[in-house]
Amino acid sequence: MGTLAAILTTGSWIPQAWRTIRTRDTNGLSLSTYLALLIGNSLWLAYGVTILSWPLIIANLIGVPLIAVIVAMKLRHG
């Protein structure tokens, strides 16, 4: 169940990151929300490493960079 949840939640970032990269349009995105998500997912990654939980580690190794791209695009393009 945890692995399926990790796949679904991690995969949910792909369409938004792709759209943001492709269009460079970040007008409808909240910077504070994405910063909170970036920090939260980074903490989940650290926790996963601490307890050696591979589903947490893998999911957040994928999710954190995707969210970071969205944050970077928001900072760059407003």
PDB file of N, CA and C in Angstrom:
ATOM      1  N   MET A   1       0.824  -1.187   0.000  1.00  0.00           N
ATOM      2  CA  MET A   1       0.000   0.000   0.000  1.00  0.00           C
ATOM      3  C   MET A   1       0.875   1.260   0.000  1.00  0.00           C
ATOM      4  N   GLY A   2       1.928   1.248   0.793  1.00  0.00           N
ATOM      5  CA  GLY A   2       2.816   2.411   0.849  1.00  0.00           C
ATOM      6  C   GLY A   2       3.510   2.679  -0.472  1.00  0.00           C
ATOM      7  N   THR A   3       3.897   1.606  -1.154  1.00  0.00           N
ATOM      8  CA  THR A   3       4.560   1.766  -2.448  1.00  0.00           C
ATOM      9  C   THR A   3       3.615   2.375  -3.476  1.00  0.00           C
ATOM     10  N   LEU A   4       2.375   1.908  -3.496  1.00  0.00           N
ATOM     11  CA  LEU A   4       1.385   2.462  -4.422  1.00  0.00           C
ATOM     12  C   LEU A   4       1.140   3.941  -4.123  1.00  0.00           C
ATOM     13  N   ALA A   5       1.019   4.274  -2.855  1.00  0.00           N
ATOM     14  CA  ALA A   5       0.831   5.677  -2.471  1.00  0.00           C
ATOM     15  C   ALA A   5       2.023   6.523  -2.915  1.00  0.00           C
ATOM     16  N   ALA A   6       3.221   5.996  -2.751  1.00  0.00           N
ATOM     17  CA  ALA A   6       4.427   6.722  -3.161  1.00  0.00           C
ATOM     18  C   ALA A   6       4.445   6.949  -4.669  1.00  0.00           C
ATOM     19  N   ILE A   7       4.068   5.936  -5.433  1.00  0.00           N
ATOM     20  CA  ILE A   7       4.037   6.060  -6.895  1.00  0.00           C
ATOM     21  C   ILE A   7       3.024   7.115  -7.324  1.00  0.00           C
ATOM     22  N   LEU A   8       1.835   7.071  -6.743  1.00  0.00           N
ATOM     23  CA  LEU A   8       0.778   8.010  -7.134  1.00  0.00           C
ATOM     24  C   LEU A   8       1.112   9.447  -6.749  1.00  0.00           C
ATOM     25  N   THR A   9       1.588   9.649  -5.537  1.00  0.00           N
ATOM     26  CA  THR A   9       1.874  11.020  -5.111  1.00  0.00           C
ATOM     27  C   THR A   9       3.098  11.584  -5.823  1.00  0.00           C
ATOM     28  N   THR A  10       4.099  10.760  -6.063  1.00  0.00           N
ATOM     29  CA  THR A  10       5.274  11.225  -6.790  1.00  0.00           C
ATOM     30  C   THR A  10       4.925  11.512  -8.242  1.00  0.00           C
ATOM     31  N   GLY A  11       4.175  10.628  -8.851  1.00  0.00           N
ATOM     32  CA  GLY A  11       3.780  10.806 -10.246  1.00  0.00           C
ATOM     33  C   GLY A  11       2.926  12.030 -10.473  1.00  0.00           C
ATOM     34  N   SER A  12       2.254  12.491  -9.437  1.00  0.00           N
ATOM     35  CA  SER A  12       1.383  13.656  -9.592  1.00  0.00           C
ATOM     36  C   SER A  12       2.166  14.933  -9.880  1.00  0.00           C
ATOM     37  N   TRP A  13       3.452  14.969  -9.571  1.00  0.00           N
ATOM     38  CA  TRP A  13       4.262  16.163  -9.825  1.00  0.00           C
ATOM     39  C   TRP A  13       4.711  16.263 -11.271  1.00  0.00           C
ATOM     40  N   ILE A  14       4.744  15.152 -11.970  1.00  0.00           N
ATOM     41  CA  ILE A  14       5.269  15.142 -13.336  1.00  0.00           C
ATOM     42  C   ILE A  14       4.478  16.053 -14.275  1.00  0.00           C
ATOM     43  N   PRO A  15       3.141  15.967 -14.333  1.00  0.00           N
ATOM     44  CA  PRO A  15       2.409  16.847 -15.263  1.00  0.00           C
ATOM     45  C   PRO A  15       2.601  18.337 -14.965  1.00  0.00           C
ATOM     46  N   GLN A  16       2.616  18.708 -13.683  1.00  0.00           N
ATOM     47  CA  GLN A  16       2.782  20.129 -13.342  1.00  0.00           C
ATOM     48  C   GLN A  16       4.180  20.608 -13.690  1.00  0.00           C
ATOM     49  N   ALA A  17       5.191  19.813 -13.362  1.00  0.00           N
ATOM     50  CA  ALA A  17       6.566  20.207 -13.683  1.00  0.00           C
ATOM     51  C   ALA A  17       6.743  20.323 -15.196  1.00  0.00           C
ATOM     52  N   TRP A  18       6.220  19.356 -15.937  1.00  0.00           N
ATOM     53  CA  TRP A  18       6.343  19.383 -17.399  1.00  0.00           C
ATOM     54  C   TRP A  18       5.645  20.609 -17.988  1.00  0.00           C
ATOM     55  N   ARG A  19       4.434  20.898 -17.521  1.00  0.00           N
ATOM     56  CA  ARG A  19       3.695  22.058 -18.030  1.00  0.00           C
ATOM     57  C   ARG A  19       4.436  23.353 -17.706  1.00  0.00           C
ATOM     58  N   THR A  20       4.971  23.444 -16.499  1.00  0.00           N
ATOM     59  CA  THR A  20       5.679  24.653 -16.083  1.00  0.00           C
ATOM     60  C   THR A  20       6.941  24.859 -16.915  1.00  0.00           C
ATOM     61  N   ILE A  21       7.676  23.785 -17.164  1.00  0.00           N
ATOM     62  CA  ILE A  21       8.883  23.884 -17.988  1.00  0.00           C
ATOM     63  C   ILE A  21       8.516  24.271 -19.419  1.00  0.00           C
ATOM     64  N   ARG A  22       7.494  23.628 -19.949  1.00  0.00           N
ATOM     65  CA  ARG A  22       7.098  23.829 -21.349  1.00  0.00           C
ATOM     66  C   ARG A  22       6.556  25.237 -21.594  1.00  0.00           C
ATOM     67  N   THR A  23       5.673  25.719 -20.720  1.00  0.00           N
ATOM     68  CA  THR A  23       5.004  27.005 -20.950  1.00  0.00           C
ATOM     69  C   THR A  23       5.673  28.178 -20.235  1.00  0.00           C
ATOM     70  N   ARG A  24       6.459  27.888 -19.224  1.00  0.00           N
ATOM     71  CA  ARG A  24       7.064  28.911 -18.361  1.00  0.00           C
ATOM     72  C   ARG A  24       6.008  29.769 -17.659  1.00  0.00           C
ATOM     73  N   ASP A  25       4.793  29.271 -17.597  1.00  0.00           N
ATOM     74  CA  ASP A  25       3.683  29.986 -16.966  1.00  0.00           C
ATOM     75  C   ASP A  25       3.513  29.492 -15.533  1.00  0.00           C
ATOM     76  N   THR A  26       3.754  30.383 -14.587  1.00  0.00           N
ATOM     77  CA  THR A  26       3.615  30.033 -13.175  1.00  0.00           C
ATOM     78  C   THR A  26       2.598  30.925 -12.470  1.00  0.00           C
ATOM     79  N   ASN A  27       1.814  31.671 -13.236  1.00  0.00           N
ATOM     80  CA  ASN A  27       0.880  32.638 -12.649  1.00  0.00           C
ATOM     81  C   ASN A  27      -0.107  32.016 -11.679  1.00  0.00           C
ATOM     82  N   GLY A  28      -0.590  30.832 -11.943  1.00  0.00           N
ATOM     83  CA  GLY A  28      -1.588  30.226 -11.077  1.00  0.00           C
ATOM     84  C   GLY A  28      -1.015  29.416  -9.928  1.00  0.00           C
ATOM     85  N   LEU A  29       0.302  29.456  -9.759  1.00  0.00           N
ATOM     86  CA  LEU A  29       0.946  28.640  -8.733  1.00  0.00           C
ATOM     87  C   LEU A  29       1.322  29.494  -7.531  1.00  0.00           C
ATOM     88  N   SER A  30       1.095  28.956  -6.354  1.00  0.00           N
ATOM     89  CA  SER A  30       1.420  29.652  -5.113  1.00  0.00           C
ATOM     90  C   SER A  30       2.840  29.292  -4.678  1.00  0.00           C
ATOM     91  N   LEU A  31       3.714  30.297  -4.610  1.00  0.00           N
ATOM     92  CA  LEU A  31       5.090  30.057  -4.195  1.00  0.00           C
ATOM     93  C   LEU A  31       5.146  29.494  -2.780  1.00  0.00           C
ATOM     94  N   SER A  32       4.359  30.043  -1.874  1.00  0.00           N
ATOM     95  CA  SER A  32       4.406  29.568  -0.486  1.00  0.00           C
ATOM     96  C   SER A  32       3.977  28.106  -0.380  1.00  0.00           C
ATOM     97  N   THR A  33       2.995  27.706  -1.161  1.00  0.00           N
ATOM     98  CA  THR A  33       2.559  26.309  -1.151  1.00  0.00           C
ATOM     99  C   THR A  33       3.672  25.398  -1.641  1.00  0.00           C
ATOM    100  N   TYR A  34       4.296  25.761  -2.750  1.00  0.00           N
ATOM    101  CA  TYR A  34       5.345  24.909  -3.307  1.00  0.00           C
ATOM    102  C   TYR A  34       6.600  24.911  -2.442  1.00  0.00           C
ATOM    103  N   LEU A  35       6.902  26.022  -1.772  1.00  0.00           N
ATOM    104  CA  LEU A  35       8.022  26.026  -0.831  1.00  0.00           C
ATOM    105  C   LEU A  35       7.743  25.095   0.345  1.00  0.00           C
ATOM    106  N   ALA A  36       6.518  25.139   0.859  1.00  0.00           N
ATOM    107  CA  ALA A  36       6.147  24.240   1.957  1.00  0.00           C
ATOM    108  C   ALA A  36       6.239  22.784   1.514  1.00  0.00           C
ATOM    109  N   LEU A  37       5.775  22.500   0.303  1.00  0.00           N
ATOM    110  CA  LEU A  37       5.864  21.138  -0.223  1.00  0.00           C
ATOM    111  C   LEU A  37       7.314  20.709  -0.407  1.00  0.00           C
ATOM    112  N   LEU A  38       8.156  21.614  -0.879  1.00  0.00           N
ATOM    113  CA  LEU A  38       9.568  21.298  -1.068  1.00  0.00           C
ATOM    114  C   LEU A  38      10.239  20.976   0.269  1.00  0.00           C
ATOM    115  N   ILE A  39       9.969  21.776   1.264  1.00  0.00           N
ATOM    116  CA  ILE A  39      10.537  21.529   2.589  1.00  0.00           C
ATOM    117  C   ILE A  39       9.986  20.230   3.172  1.00  0.00           C
ATOM    118  N   GLY A  40       8.677  20.047   3.081  1.00  0.00           N
ATOM    119  CA  GLY A  40       8.057  18.833   3.614  1.00  0.00           C
ATOM    120  C   GLY A  40       8.576  17.570   2.952  1.00  0.00           C
ATOM    121  N   ASN A  41       8.659  17.578   1.627  1.00  0.00           N
ATOM    122  CA  ASN A  41       9.156  16.394   0.928  1.00  0.00           C
ATOM    123  C   ASN A  41      10.637  16.157   1.215  1.00  0.00           C
ATOM    124  N   SER A  42      11.398  17.224   1.380  1.00  0.00           N
ATOM    125  CA  SER A  42      12.809  17.074   1.746  1.00  0.00           C
ATOM    126  C   SER A  42      12.941  16.426   3.120  1.00  0.00           C
ATOM    127  N   LEU A  43      12.069  16.819   4.031  1.00  0.00           N
ATOM    128  CA  LEU A  43      12.079  16.201   5.363  1.00  0.00           C
ATOM    129  C   LEU A  43      11.663  14.735   5.299  1.00  0.00           C
ATOM    130  N   TRP A  44      10.674  14.407   4.452  1.00  0.00           N
ATOM    131  CA  TRP A  44      10.292  13.003   4.258  1.00  0.00           C
ATOM    132  C   TRP A  44      11.466  12.205   3.707  1.00  0.00           C
ATOM    133  N   LEU A  45      12.219  12.805   2.793  1.00  0.00           N
ATOM    134  CA  LEU A  45      13.398  12.134   2.246  1.00  0.00           C
ATOM    135  C   LEU A  45      14.413  11.867   3.353  1.00  0.00           C
ATOM    136  N   ALA A  46      14.689  12.870   4.164  1.00  0.00           N
ATOM    137  CA  ALA A  46      15.633  12.694   5.272  1.00  0.00           C
ATOM    138  C   ALA A  46      15.146  11.620   6.237  1.00  0.00           C
ATOM    139  N   TYR A  47      13.865  11.625   6.534  1.00  0.00           N
ATOM    140  CA  TYR A  47      13.292  10.606   7.414  1.00  0.00           C
ATOM    141  C   TYR A  47      13.428   9.222   6.786  1.00  0.00           C
ATOM    142  N   GLY A  48      13.134   9.116   5.498  1.00  0.00           N
ATOM    143  CA  GLY A  48      13.267   7.839   4.803  1.00  0.00           C
ATOM    144  C   GLY A  48      14.683   7.307   4.863  1.00  0.00           C
ATOM    145  N   VAL A  49      15.660   8.194   4.703  1.00  0.00           N
ATOM    146  CA  VAL A  49      17.063   7.789   4.805  1.00  0.00           C
ATOM    147  C   VAL A  49      17.372   7.332   6.227  1.00  0.00           C
ATOM    148  N   THR A  50      16.863   8.055   7.206  1.00  0.00           N
ATOM    149  CA  THR A  50      17.110   7.714   8.608  1.00  0.00           C
ATOM    150  C   THR A  50      16.600   6.326   8.966  1.00  0.00           C
ATOM    151  N   ILE A  51      15.402   5.989   8.480  1.00  0.00           N
ATOM    152  CA  ILE A  51      14.822   4.680   8.828  1.00  0.00           C
ATOM    153  C   ILE A  51      15.029   3.638   7.725  1.00  0.00           C
ATOM    154  N   LEU A  52      15.790   4.014   6.697  1.00  0.00           N
ATOM    155  CA  LEU A  52      16.076   3.118   5.563  1.00  0.00           C
ATOM    156  C   LEU A  52      14.809   2.572   4.907  1.00  0.00           C
ATOM    157  N   SER A  53      13.869   3.474   4.651  1.00  0.00           N
ATOM    158  CA  SER A  53      12.624   3.104   3.979  1.00  0.00           C
ATOM    159  C   SER A  53      12.756   3.430   2.497  1.00  0.00           C
ATOM    160  N   TRP A  54      12.993   2.390   1.687  1.00  0.00           N
ATOM    161  CA  TRP A  54      13.217   2.599   0.265  1.00  0.00           C
ATOM    162  C   TRP A  54      12.039   3.239  -0.462  1.00  0.00           C
ATOM    163  N   PRO A  55      10.798   2.904  -0.166  1.00  0.00           N
ATOM    164  CA  PRO A  55       9.698   3.622  -0.838  1.00  0.00           C
ATOM    165  C   PRO A  55       9.731   5.133  -0.564  1.00  0.00           C
ATOM    166  N   LEU A  56      10.003   5.520   0.676  1.00  0.00           N
ATOM    167  CA  LEU A  56      10.106   6.949   1.003  1.00  0.00           C
ATOM    168  C   LEU A  56      11.299   7.585   0.303  1.00  0.00           C
ATOM    169  N   ILE A  57      12.419   6.905   0.309  1.00  0.00           N
ATOM    170  CA  ILE A  57      13.631   7.446  -0.300  1.00  0.00           C
ATOM    171  C   ILE A  57      13.436   7.643  -1.800  1.00  0.00           C
ATOM    172  N   ILE A  58      13.005   6.603  -2.485  1.00  0.00           N
ATOM    173  CA  ILE A  58      12.865   6.674  -3.941  1.00  0.00           C
ATOM    174  C   ILE A  58      11.813   7.701  -4.347  1.00  0.00           C
ATOM    175  N   ALA A  59      10.670   7.665  -3.675  1.00  0.00           N
ATOM    176  CA  ALA A  59       9.602   8.613  -4.016  1.00  0.00           C
ATOM    177  C   ALA A  59      10.071  10.054  -3.865  1.00  0.00           C
ATOM    178  N   ASN A  60      10.779  10.333  -2.799  1.00  0.00           N
ATOM    179  CA  ASN A  60      11.196  11.708  -2.561  1.00  0.00           C
ATOM    180  C   ASN A  60      12.456  12.098  -3.322  1.00  0.00           C
ATOM    181  N   LEU A  61      13.265  11.120  -3.726  1.00  0.00           N
ATOM    182  CA  LEU A  61      14.383  11.424  -4.620  1.00  0.00           C
ATOM    183  C   LEU A  61      13.874  11.876  -5.985  1.00  0.00           C
ATOM    184  N   ILE A  62      12.688  11.438  -6.334  1.00  0.00           N
ATOM    185  CA  ILE A  62      12.054  11.875  -7.584  1.00  0.00           C
ATOM    186  C   ILE A  62      11.238  13.145  -7.343  1.00  0.00           C
ATOM    187  N   GLY A  63      10.449  13.154  -6.280  1.00  0.00           N
ATOM    188  CA  GLY A  63       9.542  14.270  -6.010  1.00  0.00           C
ATOM    189  C   GLY A  63      10.232  15.577  -5.673  1.00  0.00           C
ATOM    190  N   VAL A  64      11.276  15.531  -4.863  1.00  0.00           N
ATOM    191  CA  VAL A  64      11.951  16.764  -4.445  1.00  0.00           C
ATOM    192  C   VAL A  64      12.509  17.537  -5.643  1.00  0.00           C
ATOM    193  N   PRO A  65      13.225  16.901  -6.570  1.00  0.00           N
ATOM    194  CA  PRO A  65      13.697  17.672  -7.732  1.00  0.00           C
ATOM    195  C   PRO A  65      12.564  18.226  -8.599  1.00  0.00           C
ATOM    196  N   LEU A  66      11.476  17.472  -8.741  1.00  0.00           N
ATOM    197  CA  LEU A  66      10.347  17.974  -9.533  1.00  0.00           C
ATOM    198  C   LEU A  66       9.750  19.222  -8.892  1.00  0.00           C
ATOM    199  N   ILE A  67       9.571  19.188  -7.589  1.00  0.00           N
ATOM    200  CA  ILE A  67       9.035  20.352  -6.882  1.00  0.00           C
ATOM    201  C   ILE A  67      10.042  21.503  -6.938  1.00  0.00           C
ATOM    202  N   ALA A  68      11.330  21.186  -6.821  1.00  0.00           N
ATOM    203  CA  ALA A  68      12.367  22.219  -6.887  1.00  0.00           C
ATOM    204  C   ALA A  68      12.362  22.925  -8.241  1.00  0.00           C
ATOM    205  N   VAL A  69      12.111  22.186  -9.310  1.00  0.00           N
ATOM    206  CA  VAL A  69      12.018  22.797 -10.643  1.00  0.00           C
ATOM    207  C   VAL A  69      10.854  23.781 -10.681  1.00  0.00           C
ATOM    208  N   ILE A  70       9.726  23.387 -10.127  1.00  0.00           N
ATOM    209  CA  ILE A  70       8.556  24.271 -10.112  1.00  0.00           C
ATOM    210  C   ILE A  70       8.857  25.532  -9.304  1.00  0.00           C
ATOM    211  N   VAL A  71       9.493  25.377  -8.140  1.00  0.00           N
ATOM    212  CA  VAL A  71       9.851  26.534  -7.310  1.00  0.00           C
ATOM    213  C   VAL A  71      10.833  27.434  -8.059  1.00  0.00           C
ATOM    214  N   ALA A  72      11.832  26.844  -8.685  1.00  0.00           N
ATOM    215  CA  ALA A  72      12.817  27.638  -9.430  1.00  0.00           C
ATOM    216  C   ALA A  72      12.157  28.410 -10.566  1.00  0.00           C
ATOM    217  N   MET A  73      11.248  27.766 -11.266  1.00  0.00           N
ATOM    218  CA  MET A  73      10.545  28.436 -12.361  1.00  0.00           C
ATOM    219  C   MET A  73       9.663  29.565 -11.822  1.00  0.00           C
ATOM    220  N   LYS A  74       9.028  29.340 -10.690  1.00  0.00           N
ATOM    221  CA  LYS A  74       8.188  30.379 -10.081  1.00  0.00           C
ATOM    222  C   LYS A  74       9.048  31.576  -9.680  1.00  0.00           C
ATOM    223  N   LEU A  75      10.208  31.314  -9.097  1.00  0.00           N
ATOM    224  CA  LEU A  75      11.098  32.403  -8.700  1.00  0.00           C
ATOM    225  C   LEU A  75      11.642  33.150  -9.920  1.00  0.00           C
ATOM    226  N   ARG A  76      11.910  32.429 -10.972  1.00  0.00           N
ATOM    227  CA  ARG A  76      12.491  33.039 -12.169  1.00  0.00           C
ATOM    228  C   ARG A  76      11.463  33.786 -13.016  1.00  0.00           C
ATOM    229  N   HIS A  77      10.283  33.203 -13.163  1.00  0.00           N
ATOM    230  CA  HIS A  77       9.287  33.760 -14.081  1.00  0.00           C
ATOM    231  C   HIS A  77       8.091  34.407 -13.381  1.00  0.00           C
ATOM    232  N   GLY A  78       8.116  34.388 -12.056  1.00  0.00           N
ATOM    233  CA  GLY A  78       7.053  35.041 -11.312  1.00  0.00           C
ATOM    234  C   GLY A  78       5.814  34.267 -11.303  1.00  0.00           C
TER     235      GLY A  78
END
